[in-house]
Protein backbone atom coordinates (compact mmCIF):
# COMPACT_ATOMS: atom_id res chain seq x y z
CA MET A 1 43.56 163.29 67.26
CA THR A 2 41.08 162.17 64.62
CA SER A 3 39.49 158.80 64.10
CA ALA A 4 40.42 158.70 60.42
CA ALA A 5 42.54 155.75 59.30
CA ARG A 6 46.20 156.39 58.79
CA PRO A 7 47.22 156.46 55.14
CA GLY A 8 48.96 153.32 54.00
CA ARG A 9 47.69 151.26 56.96
CA ALA A 10 45.07 149.32 54.95
CA ALA A 11 47.57 148.05 52.37
CA PRO A 12 49.46 145.68 54.72
CA VAL A 13 46.17 144.33 56.12
CA LEU A 14 44.88 143.61 52.62
CA ARG A 15 48.17 142.00 51.70
CA ARG A 16 48.04 139.74 54.76
CA ALA A 17 44.44 138.78 53.91
CA LEU A 18 45.35 137.71 50.37
CA LEU A 19 46.61 134.21 51.23
CA PRO A 20 43.55 133.18 53.29
CA ALA A 21 41.27 134.65 50.61
CA ALA A 22 43.15 132.76 47.89
CA ILE A 23 42.91 129.51 49.86
CA LEU A 24 39.15 129.97 50.30
CA ALA A 25 38.67 130.91 46.64
CA ALA A 26 40.68 127.90 45.41
CA ALA A 27 38.87 125.50 47.75
CA GLY A 28 35.46 126.90 46.84
CA SER A 29 36.17 126.89 43.11
CA GLY A 30 37.54 123.35 43.25
CA ALA A 31 34.54 122.14 45.23
CA VAL A 32 32.04 123.73 42.83
CA LEU A 33 33.91 122.39 39.80
CA LEU A 34 34.21 118.86 41.14
CA GLN A 35 30.61 118.88 42.36
CA GLY A 36 29.44 119.73 38.87
CA VAL A 37 31.52 117.25 36.86
CA PHE A 38 32.20 114.34 39.21
CA ASP A 39 29.90 112.09 41.22
CA PRO A 40 31.76 109.58 43.42
CA PHE A 41 28.48 107.71 44.02
CA ARG A 42 28.30 106.73 40.35
CA GLN A 43 32.00 106.57 39.49
CA ASP A 44 34.59 104.40 41.18
CA VAL A 45 37.42 106.27 42.89
CA PRO A 46 40.26 103.74 43.29
CA LEU A 47 42.44 105.87 45.55
CA CYS A 48 42.94 103.63 48.60
CA PRO A 49 45.64 100.97 48.24
CA LEU A 50 44.65 99.35 51.57
CA HIS A 51 41.08 98.86 50.38
CA ALA A 52 42.23 97.65 46.97
CA LEU A 53 44.59 95.05 48.49
CA THR A 54 42.63 93.90 51.55
CA GLY A 55 39.03 95.03 51.18
CA LEU A 56 39.31 96.82 54.53
CA ASP A 57 38.24 100.43 54.97
CA CYS A 58 40.94 102.82 56.20
CA PRO A 59 40.03 106.00 58.13
CA GLY A 60 40.00 107.94 54.86
CA CYS A 61 37.78 105.59 52.87
CA GLY A 62 34.59 107.35 51.86
CA ALA A 63 36.02 110.85 52.38
CA THR A 64 35.41 111.90 48.78
CA ARG A 65 31.80 110.69 48.97
CA ALA A 66 31.35 112.40 52.35
CA VAL A 67 32.53 115.76 51.03
CA HIS A 68 30.34 115.35 47.94
CA ALA A 69 27.33 114.57 50.14
CA LEU A 70 28.08 117.58 52.38
CA LEU A 71 28.22 119.86 49.36
CA ASP A 72 24.84 118.45 48.31
CA GLY A 73 23.53 119.24 51.79
CA ASP A 74 23.05 115.61 52.83
CA LEU A 75 24.59 115.45 56.31
CA LEU A 76 23.36 111.93 57.09
CA LEU A 77 24.88 110.47 53.91
CA ALA A 78 28.12 112.34 54.62
CA LEU A 79 28.23 110.92 58.16
CA GLN A 80 27.64 107.43 56.83
CA ASN A 81 30.51 107.68 54.36
CA ASN A 82 33.10 109.12 56.75
CA ALA A 83 31.86 110.29 60.14
CA LEU A 84 35.36 111.07 61.39
CA LEU A 85 36.00 113.55 58.57
CA VAL A 86 32.58 115.18 58.90
CA LEU A 87 33.06 115.65 62.65
CA ALA A 88 36.58 117.05 62.11
CA ILE A 89 35.49 119.73 59.62
CA PRO A 90 34.19 122.21 62.25
CA LEU A 91 37.51 121.92 64.08
CA LEU A 92 39.40 122.61 60.85
CA VAL A 93 37.19 125.65 60.18
CA VAL A 94 37.96 127.04 63.65
CA VAL A 95 41.71 126.49 63.21
CA PHE A 96 41.62 128.18 59.77
CA ALA A 97 39.60 131.12 61.13
CA ARG A 98 42.01 131.63 64.05
CA TRP A 99 45.00 131.49 61.70
CA THR A 100 43.32 133.99 59.34
CA LEU A 101 42.55 136.45 62.12
CA ARG A 102 46.07 136.25 63.52
CA ARG A 103 47.50 136.77 60.04
CA ILE A 104 45.28 139.78 59.29
CA ARG A 105 46.14 141.36 62.64
CA GLY A 106 49.84 140.97 61.85
CA ARG A 107 50.61 138.50 64.61
CA GLU A 108 52.98 135.63 64.11
CA ALA A 109 51.40 132.26 63.60
CA GLN A 110 51.75 130.22 66.74
CA ALA A 111 52.93 126.69 66.28
CA ILE A 112 50.43 124.32 67.78
CA GLU A 113 52.20 122.08 70.22
CA PRO A 114 49.71 119.39 71.17
CA SER A 115 50.18 117.56 74.41
CA ARG A 116 51.27 113.96 74.38
CA ALA A 117 47.86 112.96 75.78
CA LEU A 118 46.09 114.73 72.91
CA VAL A 119 48.22 112.98 70.28
CA ILE A 120 47.66 109.59 71.92
CA GLY A 121 43.94 110.33 72.16
CA VAL A 122 43.62 111.27 68.49
CA VAL A 123 45.63 108.23 67.36
CA ALA A 124 43.48 105.99 69.59
CA LEU A 125 40.27 107.56 68.23
CA VAL A 126 41.37 106.98 64.63
CA ALA A 127 42.42 103.40 65.43
CA VAL A 128 39.12 102.58 67.16
CA TYR A 129 37.16 104.20 64.31
CA THR A 130 39.13 102.22 61.72
CA ILE A 131 38.60 98.91 63.52
CA ALA A 132 34.91 99.57 64.24
CA ARG A 133 34.06 100.49 60.66
CA ASN A 134 35.42 97.12 59.50
CA LEU A 135 33.42 95.06 61.99
CA PRO A 136 30.00 93.63 61.06
CA TRP A 137 28.42 95.09 64.23
CA PHE A 138 28.91 98.68 63.05
CA PRO A 139 27.65 98.75 59.45
CA PHE A 140 26.65 102.40 59.82
CA LEU A 141 30.35 103.37 60.01
CA ALA A 142 31.30 101.69 56.72
CA PRO A 143 31.17 103.89 53.61
CA THR A 144 28.38 103.31 51.13
CA SER A 145 29.04 100.57 48.63
CA LEU A 146 29.65 101.29 44.98
CA ILE A 147 28.58 97.79 43.96
CA GLY A 148 26.05 98.11 41.19
CA ALA A 149 26.72 101.84 40.73
């Protein structure tokens, strides 16, 4: 028996790797394009109806500015704009990497079935974060202001 690869074996692996590669290419291209033509620190991004109607910051407020700051390499500014998103990114990278490896190896994607305690914990974390970032005692959790931008 030789250690040479079997003919035709590489084609299915490459085919299974196409979707993750396309997702990474699209995300990377979009990030580079937006980084070059759009600056959310100088332009208003009126995407949040809750903020527009009430003036309160939802858990997603500041996410665009946080991603922009991360792409600029400014971790502290990213954390100030949306700490929850910045802290969730490594988890998302791990989940994407695990999915990619399973896909390339030809294994079925396993549905993630979170426990009830995990779901309650995440919902509670998001609720506490949302409330805290709207209180005057935690100004470091509120996204940067665009007033005077």
